[in-house]
Protein backbone atom coordinates (compact mmCIF):
# COMPACT_ATOMS: atom_id res chain seq x y z
CA MET A 1 -4.00 24.45 -1.14
CA LYS A 2 -1.26 22.77 -3.14
CA SER A 3 -1.33 18.97 -3.15
CA ILE A 4 1.61 16.77 -4.21
CA THR A 5 1.01 13.02 -4.17
CA LYS A 6 3.62 10.35 -4.99
CA ILE A 7 2.50 6.87 -5.98
CA VAL A 8 4.21 3.74 -7.31
CA ILE A 9 3.06 1.61 -10.21
CA THR A 10 4.78 -1.74 -9.80
CA GLY A 11 4.12 -5.36 -10.66
CA GLY A 12 5.47 -8.53 -12.15
CA PRO A 13 7.08 -8.69 -15.61
CA CYS A 14 4.64 -7.85 -18.42
CA GLY A 15 1.97 -6.62 -16.01
CA GLY A 16 0.97 -3.59 -18.08
CA LYS A 17 2.96 -0.81 -16.43
CA SER A 18 3.94 0.95 -19.68
CA THR A 19 0.35 1.08 -20.91
CA ALA A 20 -0.82 2.12 -17.45
CA MET A 21 1.31 5.27 -17.62
CA THR A 22 -0.53 6.40 -20.75
CA TRP A 23 -3.93 5.71 -19.21
CA ILE A 24 -2.99 7.58 -16.02
CA GLU A 25 -1.80 10.65 -17.97
CA SER A 26 -4.93 10.74 -20.10
CA ASN A 27 -7.46 10.23 -17.33
CA LEU A 28 -5.95 12.02 -14.33
CA SER A 29 -5.46 15.20 -16.35
CA LYS A 30 -9.26 15.27 -16.70
CA HIS A 31 -9.43 15.54 -12.91
CA GLY A 32 -7.15 18.57 -12.98
CA TYR A 33 -3.87 16.81 -12.13
CA THR A 34 -0.47 17.60 -13.55
CA VAL A 35 1.09 14.14 -13.85
CA LEU A 36 4.86 13.66 -13.59
CA PHE A 37 6.41 10.30 -14.43
CA ILE A 38 9.65 8.93 -12.96
CA PRO A 39 11.00 6.38 -15.49
CA GLU A 40 11.97 2.89 -14.37
CA THR A 41 15.53 3.16 -13.08
CA ALA A 42 16.60 -0.48 -13.54
CA SER A 43 15.86 -0.46 -17.28
CA GLU A 44 17.71 2.85 -17.68
CA LEU A 45 20.82 1.47 -16.00
CA ILE A 46 20.80 -1.92 -17.75
CA LEU A 47 20.27 -0.43 -21.20
CA GLY A 48 23.02 2.07 -20.40
CA GLY A 49 25.50 -0.69 -19.64
CA VAL A 50 25.26 -0.78 -15.83
CA ALA A 51 23.91 -4.21 -14.88
CA PRO A 52 24.42 -6.92 -12.24
CA TRP A 53 26.70 -8.74 -14.69
CA THR A 54 28.83 -5.68 -15.57
CA VAL A 55 29.67 -4.48 -12.04
CA ASN A 56 31.51 -6.36 -9.33
CA THR A 57 28.50 -7.68 -7.39
CA ASN A 58 24.71 -7.55 -7.41
CA TYR A 59 24.94 -5.47 -4.21
CA ASP A 60 26.97 -2.85 -6.09
CA PHE A 61 24.34 -2.74 -8.82
CA GLN A 62 21.48 -2.41 -6.34
CA LYS A 63 23.33 0.35 -4.50
CA ALA A 64 23.76 2.27 -7.76
CA LEU A 65 20.11 1.68 -8.67
CA VAL A 66 18.63 2.76 -5.33
CA SER A 67 20.97 5.76 -5.10
CA LEU A 68 19.81 6.94 -8.52
CA GLN A 69 16.17 6.24 -7.66
CA ILE A 70 16.43 8.39 -4.52
CA GLN A 71 18.02 11.26 -6.44
CA LYS A 72 15.44 11.09 -9.24
CA GLU A 73 12.57 11.20 -6.76
CA ARG A 74 14.12 14.19 -4.99
CA VAL A 75 14.48 16.04 -8.29
CA PHE A 76 10.85 15.36 -9.24
CA GLU A 77 9.62 16.42 -5.80
CA MET A 78 11.71 19.61 -5.99
CA ALA A 79 10.31 20.37 -9.44
CA ALA A 80 6.75 19.71 -8.26
CA ASN A 81 7.20 22.13 -5.38
CA ASN A 82 8.32 24.81 -7.84
CA MET A 83 5.31 24.40 -10.13
CA GLU A 84 2.28 26.67 -9.99
CA GLU A 85 -0.27 23.88 -10.42
CA GLU A 86 -2.25 22.98 -7.29
CA LYS A 87 -2.78 19.24 -7.93
CA ILE A 88 0.36 17.30 -8.86
CA LEU A 89 0.63 13.52 -9.09
CA ILE A 90 4.13 12.00 -9.20
CA VAL A 91 4.05 8.47 -10.61
CA ALA A 92 7.11 6.27 -10.09
CA ASP A 93 7.57 3.39 -12.51
CA ARG A 94 8.67 1.00 -9.75
CA GLY A 95 9.91 2.17 -6.38
CA ILE A 96 12.77 1.52 -4.00
CA LEU A 97 11.20 -1.57 -2.40
CA ASP A 98 11.12 -3.36 -5.78
CA ASN A 99 14.87 -3.82 -5.43
CA LYS A 100 14.45 -5.90 -2.29
CA ALA A 101 13.11 -8.70 -4.51
CA TYR A 102 16.62 -9.11 -5.93
CA MET A 103 18.47 -9.12 -2.58
CA THR A 104 18.50 -11.00 0.69
CA ASN A 105 16.80 -9.33 3.65
CA ALA A 106 20.18 -8.75 5.28
CA GLU A 107 21.58 -7.17 2.12
CA PHE A 108 18.60 -4.86 1.76
CA ASP A 109 18.73 -3.80 5.42
CA SER A 110 22.43 -3.05 5.01
CA LEU A 111 21.79 -1.04 1.85
CA CYS A 112 19.01 1.00 3.50
CA HIS A 113 21.30 1.80 6.44
CA GLU A 114 24.16 2.73 4.10
CA LEU A 115 21.89 5.13 2.21
CA GLY A 116 20.57 6.78 5.36
CA GLY A 117 17.15 5.18 5.69
CA SER A 118 15.28 2.02 6.64
CA GLU A 119 12.88 -0.36 4.93
CA THR A 120 9.96 1.38 6.66
CA THR A 121 10.96 4.92 5.73
CA PHE A 122 11.73 4.05 2.11
CA ARG A 123 8.57 1.94 1.71
CA ASP A 124 6.25 4.49 3.28
CA SER A 125 7.77 7.48 1.48
CA TYR A 126 5.21 6.72 -1.23
CA ASP A 127 1.59 7.65 -0.60
CA ALA A 128 0.17 4.58 -2.36
CA VAL A 129 1.35 1.49 -4.23
CA PHE A 130 -0.50 -0.19 -7.10
CA HIS A 131 0.69 -3.64 -8.20
CA LEU A 132 -0.18 -4.98 -11.65
CA VAL A 133 -0.02 -8.79 -11.65
CA THR A 134 2.14 -10.31 -14.40
CA ALA A 135 0.31 -11.55 -17.49
CA ALA A 136 2.05 -14.88 -16.89
CA GLN A 137 -0.49 -15.44 -14.10
CA GLY A 138 -4.01 -15.45 -15.49
CA ALA A 139 -3.32 -14.04 -18.97
CA GLU A 140 -0.60 -16.40 -20.16
CA LYS A 141 -1.11 -15.96 -23.89
CA PHE A 142 -0.30 -12.26 -23.58
CA TYR A 143 3.00 -12.73 -21.75
CA THR A 144 5.85 -11.44 -23.93
CA LEU A 145 9.44 -10.24 -23.68
CA ALA A 146 9.22 -8.15 -26.86
CA ASN A 147 8.28 -4.81 -25.29
CA ASN A 148 11.19 -4.53 -22.84
CA GLN A 149 14.76 -5.29 -23.89
CA ALA A 150 15.80 -5.54 -20.22
CA ARG A 151 13.29 -8.34 -19.51
CA THR A 152 14.54 -11.94 -19.59
CA GLU A 153 12.16 -13.92 -17.32
CA THR A 154 10.35 -17.08 -18.34
CA PRO A 155 6.62 -17.23 -17.41
CA GLU A 156 7.45 -19.36 -14.36
CA GLN A 157 10.15 -16.91 -13.27
CA ALA A 158 7.76 -14.01 -13.88
CA ILE A 159 5.14 -15.49 -11.54
CA ALA A 160 7.75 -16.13 -8.83
CA MET A 161 9.08 -12.57 -9.18
CA ASP A 162 5.55 -11.17 -9.09
CA GLN A 163 4.94 -12.80 -5.71
CA LYS A 164 8.31 -11.61 -4.38
CA ILE A 165 7.53 -8.03 -5.34
CA ILE A 166 4.13 -8.19 -3.64
CA SER A 167 5.85 -9.49 -0.50
CA CYS A 168 8.35 -6.61 -0.60
CA TRP A 169 5.58 -4.01 -0.59
CA THR A 170 3.40 -5.83 1.95
CA GLY A 171 3.09 -3.59 5.00
CA HIS A 172 2.49 -0.38 3.07
CA PRO A 173 -0.60 1.44 4.39
CA TYR A 174 -2.16 1.62 0.91
CA LEU A 175 -1.30 -1.32 -1.32
CA ARG A 176 -3.71 -2.44 -4.03
CA ILE A 177 -3.27 -5.48 -6.29
CA ILE A 178 -4.79 -5.48 -9.80
CA ASP A 179 -5.02 -9.05 -11.12
CA ASN A 180 -5.90 -10.51 -14.54
CA SER A 181 -9.46 -11.59 -13.75
CA THR A 182 -10.72 -9.30 -16.52
CA ASP A 183 -9.56 -8.35 -20.02
CA PHE A 184 -6.66 -5.92 -20.27
CA ASN A 185 -8.70 -2.76 -20.92
CA THR A 186 -10.86 -3.48 -17.90
CA LYS A 187 -7.68 -4.14 -15.88
CA MET A 188 -6.53 -0.61 -16.75
CA LYS A 189 -9.94 0.82 -15.81
CA ARG A 190 -9.76 -0.99 -12.46
CA LEU A 191 -6.32 0.53 -11.87
CA LEU A 192 -7.65 4.02 -12.61
CA LYS A 193 -10.60 3.44 -10.32
CA GLU A 194 -8.22 2.47 -7.50
CA ILE A 195 -6.06 5.56 -8.08
CA THR A 196 -8.96 8.03 -8.23
CA GLN A 197 -10.45 6.35 -5.16
CA PHE A 198 -7.20 6.90 -3.29
CA LEU A 199 -7.04 10.53 -4.41
CA GLY A 200 -10.57 11.10 -3.13
CA GLU A 201 -11.95 12.19 -6.47
CA PRO A 202 -15.75 12.31 -7.01
CA ASP A 203 -17.42 8.91 -7.37
CA ALA A 204 -14.37 7.26 -5.83
CA PHE A 205 -15.65 4.67 -3.38
CA GLU A 206 -13.96 2.19 -1.09
CA VAL A 207 -15.66 -1.11 -0.35
CA GLU A 208 -14.32 -2.81 2.74
CA GLN A 209 -15.25 -6.22 4.12
CA LYS A 210 -14.64 -6.81 7.82
CA PHE A 211 -14.68 -10.07 9.78
CA ILE A 212 -14.17 -11.35 13.31
CA ILE A 213 -11.60 -14.16 13.20
CA ARG A 214 -10.06 -16.45 15.78
CA MET A 215 -6.74 -15.15 17.01
CA PRO A 216 -4.22 -16.61 14.57
CA ASP A 217 -0.85 -18.02 15.52
CA LEU A 218 1.00 -14.71 15.57
CA HIS A 219 4.44 -16.31 15.73
CA GLN A 220 3.61 -18.34 12.63
CA MET A 221 2.30 -15.23 10.90
CA GLU A 222 5.50 -13.32 11.57
CA GLN A 223 7.52 -16.05 9.84
CA LEU A 224 5.56 -15.78 6.58
CA PRO A 225 7.42 -13.98 3.78
CA ASN A 226 4.17 -12.37 2.61
CA CYS A 227 3.30 -10.91 6.03
CA LYS A 228 4.54 -7.77 7.78
CA LYS A 229 3.84 -6.61 11.34
CA ILE A 230 3.12 -2.90 11.82
CA ASN A 231 2.57 -0.96 15.06
CA ILE A 232 -0.22 1.61 14.96
CA MET A 233 -1.31 4.32 17.38
CA GLN A 234 -4.47 6.11 16.26
CA THR A 235 -5.99 9.26 17.74
CA TYR A 236 -9.37 10.72 16.83
CA LEU A 237 -9.73 14.47 16.47
CA LEU A 238 -12.71 16.68 17.27
CA SER A 239 -15.12 16.91 14.33
CA ALA A 240 -17.92 19.32 13.46
CA SER A 241 -19.99 16.70 11.59
CA GLU A 242 -21.21 13.20 12.39
CA ASN A 243 -20.58 12.10 8.79
CA ILE A 244 -16.96 13.18 8.86
CA CYS A 245 -14.36 11.40 10.96
CA THR A 246 -10.79 12.70 11.23
CA ARG A 247 -7.93 10.83 12.82
CA VAL A 248 -4.15 10.93 12.96
CA ARG A 249 -1.92 7.88 13.00
CA GLN A 250 1.58 6.99 13.98
CA ARG A 251 2.46 3.93 11.92
CA GLY A 252 5.65 1.92 11.55
CA SER A 253 7.99 -0.56 13.19
CA SER A 254 11.40 -0.81 14.86
CA GLY A 255 11.37 2.86 15.81
CA ASN A 256 10.72 4.07 12.24
CA TYR A 257 7.37 5.83 11.87
CA ILE A 258 5.31 7.84 9.44
CA TYR A 259 2.45 10.16 10.39
CA VAL A 260 -0.82 10.45 8.49
CA LYS A 261 -4.03 12.42 8.83
CA THR A 262 -7.09 10.59 7.47
CA THR A 263 -10.52 12.06 6.80
CA LYS A 264 -13.41 9.70 6.10
CA THR A 265 -16.79 10.83 4.79
CA THR A 266 -19.41 8.09 5.15
CA LEU A 267 -21.97 7.84 2.36
CA SER A 268 -24.10 4.67 2.57
CA ASN A 269 -23.92 0.87 2.89
CA GLY A 270 -20.37 0.92 4.16
CA ARG A 271 -19.14 3.03 1.25
CA ARG A 272 -17.08 6.10 1.97
CA ILE A 273 -14.71 8.66 0.53
CA GLU A 274 -11.34 8.59 2.25
CA THR A 275 -8.52 11.11 1.86
CA GLU A 276 -5.10 11.03 3.47
CA GLN A 277 -2.44 13.64 4.11
CA ARG A 278 1.15 12.84 5.08
CA LEU A 279 2.33 14.76 8.14
CA THR A 280 5.66 15.67 9.61
CA GLN A 281 6.25 14.59 13.19
CA GLU A 282 5.82 18.20 14.30
CA GLU A 283 2.47 18.54 12.47
CA TYR A 284 1.32 15.26 14.00
CA LEU A 285 2.20 16.37 17.52
CA ASN A 286 0.42 19.69 16.99
CA LEU A 287 -2.77 17.95 15.81
CA LEU A 288 -2.77 15.81 18.94
CA MET A 289 -3.74 18.99 20.76
CA ASP A 290 -7.14 18.68 19.01
CA ALA A 291 -7.69 15.11 20.20
CA ASP A 292 -11.22 14.07 21.09
CA THR A 293 -10.62 13.27 24.75
CA SER A 294 -13.92 11.39 25.00
CA LEU A 295 -12.31 8.63 22.94
CA ARG A 296 -9.32 6.51 23.86
CA GLN A 297 -6.25 6.20 21.69
CA ILE A 298 -6.29 3.00 19.67
CA ARG A 299 -3.10 0.96 19.91
CA LYS A 300 -2.88 -2.20 17.85
CA ASP A 301 -0.56 -4.50 15.94
CA ARG A 302 -1.52 -4.85 12.30
CA TYR A 303 -0.43 -7.91 10.33
CA CYS A 304 -0.47 -7.02 6.61
CA LEU A 305 -0.85 -10.13 4.48
CA THR A 306 -0.91 -10.56 0.71
CA GLU A 307 -2.42 -13.76 -0.64
CA ASN A 308 -4.65 -14.77 -3.57
CA ASN A 309 -4.06 -11.28 -5.06
CA LEU A 310 -5.84 -9.71 -2.09
CA TYR A 311 -4.50 -7.50 0.67
CA PHE A 312 -5.59 -8.64 4.14
CA GLU A 313 -5.09 -6.57 7.29
CA ILE A 314 -5.38 -8.35 10.65
CA ASP A 315 -5.71 -6.02 13.63
CA VAL A 316 -4.74 -7.40 17.03
CA TYR A 317 -5.95 -5.32 19.98
CA PRO A 318 -4.62 -5.50 23.56
CA PHE A 319 -8.13 -5.92 25.05
CA TRP A 320 -8.84 -9.21 23.18
CA LYS A 321 -7.06 -12.51 23.77
CA HIS A 322 -8.98 -14.87 21.50
CA GLN A 323 -10.21 -12.81 18.56
CA ALA A 324 -8.97 -10.27 16.04
CA ILE A 325 -10.43 -8.22 13.20
CA LEU A 326 -9.71 -9.00 9.56
CA GLU A 327 -10.26 -6.38 6.87
CA VAL A 328 -9.97 -6.80 3.11
CA GLN A 329 -10.58 -4.29 0.33
CA VAL A 330 -12.77 -5.63 -2.50
CA ASN A 331 -13.96 -4.29 -5.85
CA HIS A 332 -17.64 -4.64 -5.02
CA THR A 333 -19.93 -5.96 -2.32
CA GLY A 334 -20.59 -9.67 -2.74
CA GLN A 335 -17.17 -10.38 -4.24
CA THR A 336 -15.97 -13.90 -3.46
CA ILE A 337 -13.02 -13.85 -1.04
CA THR A 338 -10.62 -16.77 -0.81
CA PHE A 339 -9.25 -16.69 2.73
CA PRO A 340 -5.84 -18.12 3.63
CA PRO A 341 -6.32 -21.59 5.21
CA TYR A 342 -4.64 -20.55 8.48
CA LEU A 343 -7.27 -17.88 9.18
CA SER A 344 -10.51 -18.98 10.84
CA VAL A 345 -13.39 -16.61 10.07
CA ILE A 346 -16.15 -16.46 12.69
CA ARG A 347 -18.55 -13.98 11.13
CA ASP A 348 -18.93 -10.96 8.89
CA VAL A 349 -19.13 -7.67 10.81
CA THR A 350 -18.89 -5.32 7.84
CA PHE A 351 -22.07 -3.49 8.80
CA ASP A 352 -21.72 -3.89 12.57
CA ASP A 353 -20.83 -0.41 13.80
CA SER A 354 -19.62 -1.75 17.14
CA TYR A 355 -16.50 -3.14 15.44
CA LYS A 356 -15.46 0.06 13.73
CA ASN A 357 -12.28 1.62 15.08
CA HIS A 358 -14.22 4.67 16.22
CA ALA A 359 -16.49 2.44 18.31
CA LEU A 360 -13.53 0.49 19.68
CA ALA A 361 -12.14 3.79 20.93
CA GLN A 362 -15.09 4.02 23.33
CA GLU A 363 -14.38 3.42 27.00
CA ILE A 364 -15.82 -0.12 26.92
CA PRO A 365 -15.13 -2.07 23.69
CA PRO A 366 -17.13 -5.20 22.73
CA GLU A 367 -16.26 -8.24 24.82
CA ASP A 368 -14.03 -11.01 23.52
CA GLU A 369 -16.80 -13.32 22.28
CA ILE A 370 -14.56 -16.31 21.54
CA THR A 371 -13.75 -18.23 24.71
CA ASP A 372 -13.27 -21.83 23.57
CA ILE A 373 -9.62 -21.56 22.50
């Protein structure tokens, strides 16, 4: 069956995106992928004479940029559909949500509406997002403006922009942040590991840490610029194997939803291979006919939070008043996690099966064990 996947490589200035494209081409072709690259649109426009300082307003520039980005992606998707290859990976050098970092929220909402979409639909049109942290944060001596004529940021501005871009993509169902905690070659290897893991290639493992936390101040969370609230409805489907779990999700906010089918194959010690397939609304509704009626639908509010170069997901369920579940993806078991100060961790439940979503879909979920709030 033909598979077309579209991902974004984004990040702060001088994060390594240009080099990453070469590494992706070289390594993903070994896994049988035909890799198509969508060049960075902002650099194309600026070097071609269309820039915020050459048009009437920044809004006009962003409208031109996003309009061109949309058209380029459509052309690449059309071309991919007309190719004979079965495994095609479309890699966008920055995506539509990067432009939000250069606009106010109101301006970006207006632009999305004018171009026939919404923040949710544009953000989640990509299957995965990989953010390369600017060298100005953690690898300062390697920060340079020499390899991109369109780049003008000082190191301090680069760090601030890096954080803004992460905030713009926060809320995507598959966002991974690659920091500068290792040398550059290892940074590239970590990126490739994250991509192959997402694609479900052999030896691609996901390590997930899970914790019970005290219910945070949700109103405070919603005011944070690096936090996004997402509504999720999850339905489990009938499965022929105990080691394979298949579910479908409706995910989004403000009436804008995407639909995804996820298959998880459990291996050992919390490690698993996970593959995802984007669905149309019609395909989603048809799959609901295969729902496992012995399990309840899971409805929850997910607060996606980016901090300390980690991606935290806080799930708030209607059957708990005082506790929530916090999940964070890590590179390896035992990795040190720096939690935001406004989150109070009670205990690690990574290997407690009773707190897995599949278990929470049982008729009687675990009781709310925190009562002293």
